[in-house]
């Protein structure tokens, strides 16, 4: 029986992956280089901002000490927020899927590598904030995806809010990247992938792959957890 659904955010609820890509490049320009779109989607998309900058430092592409990562993150967040206010939008099919879960009274969480302020901004602008029981953001975990820490924290918080115990095998994670799918698997949860960022062959760890969330019914979700 399905007990809870945990969503990734960027690329699942909102089409903001491309906005993050543009915001990163706006910051990296001052160091004389930019990421190409294929590079970003292949290597960095599933990372938190800090982990992305850290990886670029380790690769020798970003010539700064790690102590400066926080400042770059703040620059990137300011650029992203400007883009999100004018260009951010909710992915088609998400509102309908959330409505279906609400009718069924299914606990719902977000577990994302994005910052809390970025998530809250888009949810408030779209009128969807009250749909989610709890949010786990990048600054609340020590290890980002593919580590399961964030999903397990989301599960813990849902159990603090809902009276009936919720177990990992009765949770479905909604993801758009192989990093997130690996994290869900490591957490002992089921996973559905949406092809918003990657094509279906790159999302093999998922129990099911869909183009839109409103393709799914409650029967589909219950069968995955059976």
Protein backbone atom coordinates (compact mmCIF):
# COMPACT_ATOMS: atom_id res chain seq x y z
CA UNK A 1 0.00 0.00 0.00
CA UNK A 2 1.26 3.46 -0.91
CA UNK A 3 1.94 5.58 2.19
CA UNK A 4 3.81 8.66 0.88
CA UNK A 5 5.21 10.38 -2.21
CA UNK A 6 8.49 12.30 -2.13
CA UNK A 7 9.26 14.66 -5.00
CA UNK A 8 12.49 15.98 -6.36
CA UNK A 9 11.98 19.64 -7.31
CA UNK A 10 14.02 20.94 -10.25
CA UNK A 11 13.04 19.06 -13.39
CA UNK A 12 10.11 17.34 -11.65
CA UNK A 13 7.84 20.08 -10.30
CA UNK A 14 9.31 23.07 -12.13
CA UNK A 15 11.27 23.36 -15.36
CA UNK A 16 14.08 25.21 -13.60
CA UNK A 17 17.02 23.00 -14.55
CA UNK A 18 17.80 25.29 -17.49
CA UNK A 19 17.56 28.32 -15.17
CA UNK A 20 20.12 26.77 -12.82
CA UNK A 21 22.37 26.12 -15.83
CA UNK A 22 22.14 29.75 -16.90
CA UNK A 23 22.70 31.01 -13.35
CA UNK A 24 25.82 28.86 -12.93
CA UNK A 25 27.24 30.19 -16.19
CA UNK A 26 26.51 33.78 -15.18
CA UNK A 27 28.77 33.21 -12.17
CA UNK A 28 31.44 31.19 -13.97
CA UNK A 29 31.87 33.83 -16.70
CA UNK A 30 34.00 35.93 -14.34
CA UNK A 31 36.52 33.06 -14.28
CA UNK A 32 36.77 32.92 -18.06
CA UNK A 33 34.74 29.82 -18.86
CA UNK A 34 31.22 28.43 -19.04
CA UNK A 35 29.72 24.96 -18.96
CA UNK A 36 28.11 23.65 -22.12
CA UNK A 37 24.59 22.33 -21.78
CA UNK A 38 25.67 18.70 -22.47
CA UNK A 39 28.41 19.02 -19.83
CA UNK A 40 26.00 20.37 -17.23
CA UNK A 41 23.33 17.73 -17.83
CA UNK A 42 25.83 14.87 -17.93
CA UNK A 43 28.02 15.73 -14.93
CA UNK A 44 26.54 18.42 -12.68
CA UNK A 45 22.76 18.58 -12.88
CA UNK A 46 22.14 16.28 -9.92
CA UNK A 47 24.53 18.13 -7.62
CA UNK A 48 23.82 20.84 -5.07
CA UNK A 49 25.29 24.26 -5.84
CA UNK A 50 28.15 23.74 -3.38
CA UNK A 51 28.95 20.27 -4.74
CA UNK A 52 28.98 21.61 -8.29
CA UNK A 53 31.45 24.36 -7.43
CA UNK A 54 33.48 21.86 -5.39
CA UNK A 55 33.66 19.49 -8.36
CA UNK A 56 34.82 22.27 -10.67
CA UNK A 57 37.57 23.17 -8.19
CA UNK A 58 38.67 19.52 -7.99
CA UNK A 59 38.77 19.31 -11.77
CA UNK A 60 41.06 22.32 -11.90
CA UNK A 61 38.58 24.42 -13.84
CA UNK A 62 37.62 26.84 -11.06
CA UNK A 63 40.77 28.45 -9.58
CA UNK A 64 39.48 29.40 -6.12
CA UNK A 65 39.85 28.01 -2.58
CA UNK A 66 36.88 26.07 -1.22
CA UNK A 67 36.36 28.83 1.37
CA UNK A 68 34.96 31.02 -1.42
CA UNK A 69 32.25 28.55 -2.44
CA UNK A 70 29.67 30.18 -0.15
CA UNK A 71 30.11 33.54 -1.84
CA UNK A 72 29.74 32.04 -5.31
CA UNK A 73 26.62 30.24 -4.14
CA UNK A 74 25.10 33.52 -3.02
CA UNK A 75 25.86 35.09 -6.40
CA UNK A 76 24.30 32.14 -8.20
CA UNK A 77 21.19 32.28 -5.99
CA UNK A 78 20.63 35.97 -6.75
CA UNK A 79 20.81 35.31 -10.50
CA UNK A 80 18.55 32.26 -10.21
CA UNK A 81 15.89 34.12 -8.21
CA UNK A 82 15.68 36.83 -10.87
CA UNK A 83 15.25 34.21 -13.58
CA UNK A 84 12.73 32.20 -11.55
CA UNK A 85 10.46 35.22 -10.99
CA UNK A 86 10.20 35.89 -14.71
CA UNK A 87 10.72 32.52 -16.38
CA UNK A 88 10.00 29.79 -13.83
CA UNK A 89 6.88 27.70 -14.40
CA UNK A 90 5.29 24.50 -13.16
CA UNK A 91 5.67 21.48 -15.44
CA UNK A 92 2.48 20.34 -17.18
CA UNK A 93 0.69 17.52 -15.39
CA UNK A 94 2.12 18.32 -11.96
CA UNK A 95 -0.91 20.20 -10.64
CA UNK A 96 -3.25 17.39 -11.67
CA UNK A 97 -1.03 14.75 -10.06
CA UNK A 98 -0.78 16.71 -6.81
CA UNK A 99 -4.55 17.11 -6.81
CA UNK A 100 -5.01 13.36 -7.15
CA UNK A 101 -2.70 12.72 -4.20
CA UNK A 102 -4.51 15.34 -2.11
CA UNK A 103 -7.88 13.68 -2.74
CA UNK A 104 -6.38 10.35 -1.66
CA UNK A 105 -4.88 12.03 1.46
CA UNK A 106 -1.36 10.82 0.67
CA UNK A 107 1.47 12.50 2.64
CA UNK A 108 3.71 14.50 0.29
CA UNK A 109 7.27 15.83 0.68
CA UNK A 110 9.99 17.47 -1.39
CA UNK A 111 13.62 16.36 -1.23
CA UNK A 112 15.79 18.55 -3.41
CA UNK A 113 19.37 19.62 -4.03
CA UNK A 114 18.07 23.17 -4.47
CA UNK A 115 18.22 25.77 -1.71
CA UNK A 116 15.19 26.34 0.52
CA UNK A 117 14.73 29.94 -0.64
CA UNK A 118 14.66 28.85 -4.29
CA UNK A 119 12.08 26.15 -3.62
CA UNK A 120 9.86 28.39 -1.49
CA UNK A 121 9.98 31.20 -4.07
CA UNK A 122 8.65 29.05 -6.90
CA UNK A 123 6.06 27.25 -4.75
CA UNK A 124 4.70 30.53 -3.38
CA UNK A 125 4.59 32.14 -6.84
CA UNK A 126 2.72 29.11 -8.22
CA UNK A 127 0.30 28.73 -5.30
CA UNK A 128 1.48 25.19 -4.54
CA UNK A 129 3.21 25.65 -1.16
CA UNK A 130 0.35 24.23 0.88
CA UNK A 131 0.39 20.98 -1.11
CA UNK A 132 3.57 19.78 0.61
CA UNK A 133 3.80 18.57 4.19
CA UNK A 134 7.56 19.06 4.47
CA UNK A 135 10.60 20.12 2.43
CA UNK A 136 14.19 18.91 2.66
CA UNK A 137 16.58 21.26 0.86
CA UNK A 138 20.30 21.28 0.08
CA UNK A 139 21.41 23.09 3.22
CA UNK A 140 19.71 20.54 5.50
CA UNK A 141 21.84 17.53 4.56
CA UNK A 142 25.53 16.73 4.75
CA UNK A 143 25.55 14.51 1.67
CA UNK A 144 23.60 15.18 -1.52
CA UNK A 145 22.20 12.68 -3.99
CA UNK A 146 23.02 9.89 -4.82
CA UNK A 147 23.37 9.56 -1.04
CA UNK A 148 19.97 8.64 0.50
CA UNK A 149 20.31 11.06 3.45
CA UNK A 150 17.78 13.57 2.10
CA UNK A 151 15.08 11.00 1.36
CA UNK A 152 15.50 9.37 4.77
CA UNK A 153 15.22 12.79 6.45
CA UNK A 154 12.04 13.52 4.47
CA UNK A 155 10.62 10.17 5.63
CA UNK A 156 11.52 10.97 9.24
CA UNK A 157 9.76 14.33 9.04
CA UNK A 158 6.64 12.83 7.47
CA UNK A 159 6.50 10.33 10.33
CA UNK A 160 6.66 13.21 12.79
CA UNK A 161 3.62 14.83 11.12
CA UNK A 162 1.37 11.86 10.31
CA UNK A 163 -0.05 9.49 12.93
CA UNK A 164 0.27 6.20 11.01
CA UNK A 165 3.87 4.93 10.64
CA UNK A 166 5.27 5.35 7.11
CA UNK A 167 7.96 2.91 5.93
CA UNK A 168 10.49 3.34 3.12
CA UNK A 169 9.18 0.44 0.96
CA UNK A 170 5.76 2.14 0.94
CA UNK A 171 7.16 5.42 -0.40
CA UNK A 172 7.42 6.44 -4.03
CA UNK A 173 10.04 8.96 -5.09
CA UNK A 174 9.48 11.10 -8.21
CA UNK A 175 12.78 11.93 -9.91
CA UNK A 176 14.24 13.15 -13.20
CA UNK A 177 17.88 12.07 -12.88
CA UNK A 178 19.92 8.94 -12.28
CA UNK A 179 21.49 10.58 -9.18
CA UNK A 180 18.07 10.87 -7.58
CA UNK A 181 17.01 7.38 -8.64
CA UNK A 182 20.12 5.89 -7.06
CA UNK A 183 19.42 7.82 -3.85
CA UNK A 184 15.84 6.52 -3.76
CA UNK A 185 17.05 2.97 -4.31
CA UNK A 186 19.63 3.35 -1.52
CA UNK A 187 16.87 4.61 0.79
CA UNK A 188 14.83 1.47 0.11
CA UNK A 189 12.10 3.39 -1.72
CA UNK A 190 10.36 2.86 -5.04
CA UNK A 191 10.92 5.41 -7.80
CA UNK A 192 9.12 6.85 -10.81
CA UNK A 193 11.14 8.84 -13.33
CA UNK A 194 9.87 11.61 -15.60
CA UNK A 195 11.64 12.29 -18.90
CA UNK A 196 11.89 16.05 -18.38
CA UNK A 197 15.70 16.14 -18.24
CA UNK A 198 16.89 12.77 -19.56
CA UNK A 199 15.55 10.20 -22.00
CA UNK A 200 14.07 6.93 -20.73
CA UNK A 201 17.17 4.72 -21.36
CA UNK A 202 19.13 6.90 -18.90
CA UNK A 203 16.53 6.37 -16.17
CA UNK A 204 16.72 2.59 -15.88
CA UNK A 205 16.75 2.26 -12.07
CA UNK A 206 13.14 3.55 -11.98
CA UNK A 207 10.17 1.24 -11.36
CA UNK A 208 8.40 3.18 -14.10
CA UNK A 209 9.27 5.96 -16.53
CA UNK A 210 6.65 8.47 -17.74
CA UNK A 211 6.59 11.60 -19.89
CA UNK A 212 4.05 13.38 -17.66
CA UNK A 213 2.94 12.77 -14.09
CA UNK A 214 -0.74 13.02 -14.99
CA UNK A 215 -0.33 9.78 -16.94
CA UNK A 216 -0.33 8.01 -13.57
CA UNK A 217 -3.37 6.83 -11.60
CA UNK A 218 -3.66 5.87 -7.94
CA UNK A 219 -3.94 2.24 -9.09
CA UNK A 220 -0.56 2.60 -10.82
CA UNK A 221 1.01 3.90 -7.62
CA UNK A 222 -0.56 1.20 -5.47
CA UNK A 223 0.67 -1.53 -7.82
CA UNK A 224 4.25 -0.22 -7.58
CA UNK A 225 4.09 -0.47 -3.77
CA UNK A 226 2.26 -3.83 -3.69
